[in-house]
Amino acid sequence: MVAAKKRAEKMQRPSEVWDLERYLTKRRAQIDRQFDYRYSVLIMVFGSLLREGKMTEHDLDGLSEDKLAAIRRFAELWGR
């Protein structure tokens, strides 16, 4: 919200509203991907959070080894 408010405060031309709209649309998509808790995408969500350092393997304690391996693979593949 802070970043969006700062952008809005700096706007001087009506056309800049569309720049703000594009920024908000992009951020919404990023947030939706990051916090998508559907079971079918949890490996990707956890892998992304692990890769970004927002989650540690310790946070995943209790998951089965096959799920942990899949999460690690996703983090490694998409971290390159």
C-alpha atoms as a PDB file:
ATOM      1  CA  MET A   1       0.000   0.000   0.000  1.00  0.00           C
ATOM      2  CA  VAL A   2       2.842   2.351   0.818  1.00  0.00           C
ATOM      3  CA  ALA A   3       4.406   1.961  -2.630  1.00  0.00           C
ATOM      4  CA  ALA A   4       1.056   2.470  -4.362  1.00  0.00           C
ATOM      5  CA  LYS A   5       0.314   5.592  -2.311  1.00  0.00           C
ATOM      6  CA  LYS A   6       3.734   7.049  -3.108  1.00  0.00           C
ATOM      7  CA  ARG A   7       3.165   6.435  -6.823  1.00  0.00           C
ATOM      8  CA  ALA A   8      -0.274   8.033  -6.630  1.00  0.00           C
ATOM      9  CA  GLU A   9       1.074  11.098  -4.816  1.00  0.00           C
ATOM     10  CA  LYS A  10       3.703  11.636  -7.524  1.00  0.00           C
ATOM     11  CA  MET A  11       1.195  11.549 -10.398  1.00  0.00           C
ATOM     12  CA  GLN A  12       0.880  14.821 -12.251  1.00  0.00           C
ATOM     13  CA  ARG A  13      -0.853  13.849 -15.495  1.00  0.00           C
ATOM     14  CA  PRO A  14      -4.096  11.927 -15.996  1.00  0.00           C
ATOM     15  CA  SER A  15      -2.261   9.402 -18.172  1.00  0.00           C
ATOM     16  CA  GLU A  16      -0.192   8.358 -15.166  1.00  0.00           C
ATOM     17  CA  VAL A  17      -3.291   6.720 -13.690  1.00  0.00           C
ATOM     18  CA  TRP A  18      -2.784   3.946 -16.245  1.00  0.00           C
ATOM     19  CA  ASP A  19       0.815   3.478 -15.097  1.00  0.00           C
ATOM     20  CA  LEU A  20      -0.477   3.046 -11.557  1.00  0.00           C
ATOM     21  CA  GLU A  21      -3.097   0.587 -12.798  1.00  0.00           C
ATOM     22  CA  ARG A  22      -0.422  -1.494 -14.581  1.00  0.00           C
ATOM     23  CA  TYR A  23       1.754  -1.472 -11.452  1.00  0.00           C
ATOM     24  CA  LEU A  24      -1.157  -2.600  -9.255  1.00  0.00           C
ATOM     25  CA  THR A  25      -2.182  -5.314 -11.703  1.00  0.00           C
ATOM     26  CA  LYS A  26       1.380  -6.664 -11.806  1.00  0.00           C
ATOM     27  CA  ARG A  27       1.690  -6.619  -7.992  1.00  0.00           C
ATOM     28  CA  ARG A  28      -1.674  -8.340  -7.588  1.00  0.00           C
ATOM     29  CA  ALA A  29      -0.555 -11.149  -9.897  1.00  0.00           C
ATOM     30  CA  GLN A  30       2.693 -11.540  -7.922  1.00  0.00           C
ATOM     31  CA  ILE A  31       0.852 -11.642  -4.603  1.00  0.00           C
ATOM     32  CA  ASP A  32      -1.779 -14.039  -5.933  1.00  0.00           C
ATOM     33  CA  ARG A  33       0.948 -16.425  -7.102  1.00  0.00           C
ATOM     34  CA  GLN A  34       2.862 -16.142  -3.843  1.00  0.00           C
ATOM     35  CA  PHE A  35      -0.123 -16.784  -1.619  1.00  0.00           C
ATOM     36  CA  ASP A  36      -2.021 -19.360  -3.633  1.00  0.00           C
ATOM     37  CA  TYR A  37      -2.934 -22.044  -1.111  1.00  0.00           C
ATOM     38  CA  ARG A  38      -4.727 -24.474  -3.396  1.00  0.00           C
ATOM     39  CA  TYR A  39      -3.368 -27.933  -2.662  1.00  0.00           C
ATOM     40  CA  SER A  40      -2.519 -28.466  -6.313  1.00  0.00           C
ATOM     41  CA  VAL A  41       0.015 -25.618  -6.326  1.00  0.00           C
ATOM     42  CA  LEU A  42       1.515 -25.802  -2.835  1.00  0.00           C
ATOM     43  CA  ILE A  43       4.759 -27.361  -4.107  1.00  0.00           C
ATOM     44  CA  MET A  44       5.265 -24.362  -6.388  1.00  0.00           C
ATOM     45  CA  VAL A  45       4.296 -21.857  -3.673  1.00  0.00           C
ATOM     46  CA  PHE A  46       6.581 -23.428  -1.069  1.00  0.00           C
ATOM     47  CA  GLY A  47       9.371 -23.820  -3.636  1.00  0.00           C
ATOM     48  CA  SER A  48       9.137 -20.139  -4.558  1.00  0.00           C
ATOM     49  CA  LEU A  49       9.121 -19.036  -0.913  1.00  0.00           C
ATOM     50  CA  LEU A  50      12.081 -21.314  -0.182  1.00  0.00           C
ATOM     51  CA  ARG A  51      14.016 -19.974  -3.179  1.00  0.00           C
ATOM     52  CA  GLU A  52      13.302 -16.359  -2.173  1.00  0.00           C
ATOM     53  CA  GLY A  53      14.450 -16.976   1.408  1.00  0.00           C
ATOM     54  CA  LYS A  54      11.009 -16.212   2.807  1.00  0.00           C
ATOM     55  CA  MET A  55      10.758 -19.767   4.128  1.00  0.00           C
ATOM     56  CA  THR A  56      13.344 -22.237   5.396  1.00  0.00           C
ATOM     57  CA  GLU A  57      13.374 -26.003   5.149  1.00  0.00           C
ATOM     58  CA  HIS A  58      12.813 -26.010   8.908  1.00  0.00           C
ATOM     59  CA  ASP A  59       9.433 -24.367   8.228  1.00  0.00           C
ATOM     60  CA  LEU A  60       8.516 -27.433   6.181  1.00  0.00           C
ATOM     61  CA  ASP A  61       9.058 -29.925   9.011  1.00  0.00           C
ATOM     62  CA  GLY A  62       6.349 -32.541   9.009  1.00  0.00           C
ATOM     63  CA  LEU A  63       5.968 -32.843   5.257  1.00  0.00           C
ATOM     64  CA  SER A  64       6.739 -36.174   3.680  1.00  0.00           C
ATOM     65  CA  GLU A  65      10.161 -36.680   2.135  1.00  0.00           C
ATOM     66  CA  ASP A  66       8.684 -36.919  -1.373  1.00  0.00           C
ATOM     67  CA  LYS A  67       6.949 -33.546  -0.941  1.00  0.00           C
ATOM     68  CA  LEU A  68      10.138 -31.994   0.441  1.00  0.00           C
ATOM     69  CA  ALA A  69      12.119 -33.361  -2.502  1.00  0.00           C
ATOM     70  CA  ALA A  70       9.599 -31.923  -4.970  1.00  0.00           C
ATOM     71  CA  ILE A  71       9.709 -28.528  -3.241  1.00  0.00           C
ATOM     72  CA  ARG A  72      13.523 -28.523  -3.296  1.00  0.00           C
ATOM     73  CA  ARG A  73      13.537 -29.452  -7.000  1.00  0.00           C
ATOM     74  CA  PHE A  74      11.134 -26.649  -7.822  1.00  0.00           C
ATOM     75  CA  ALA A  75      13.198 -24.141  -5.834  1.00  0.00           C
ATOM     76  CA  GLU A  76      16.392 -25.232  -7.589  1.00  0.00           C
ATOM     77  CA  LEU A  77      14.908 -25.297 -11.091  1.00  0.00           C
ATOM     78  CA  TRP A  78      13.276 -21.916 -10.894  1.00  0.00           C
ATOM     79  CA  GLY A  79      16.096 -20.326  -8.913  1.00  0.00           C
ATOM     80  CA  ARG A  80      18.514 -20.482 -11.817  1.00  0.00           C
END
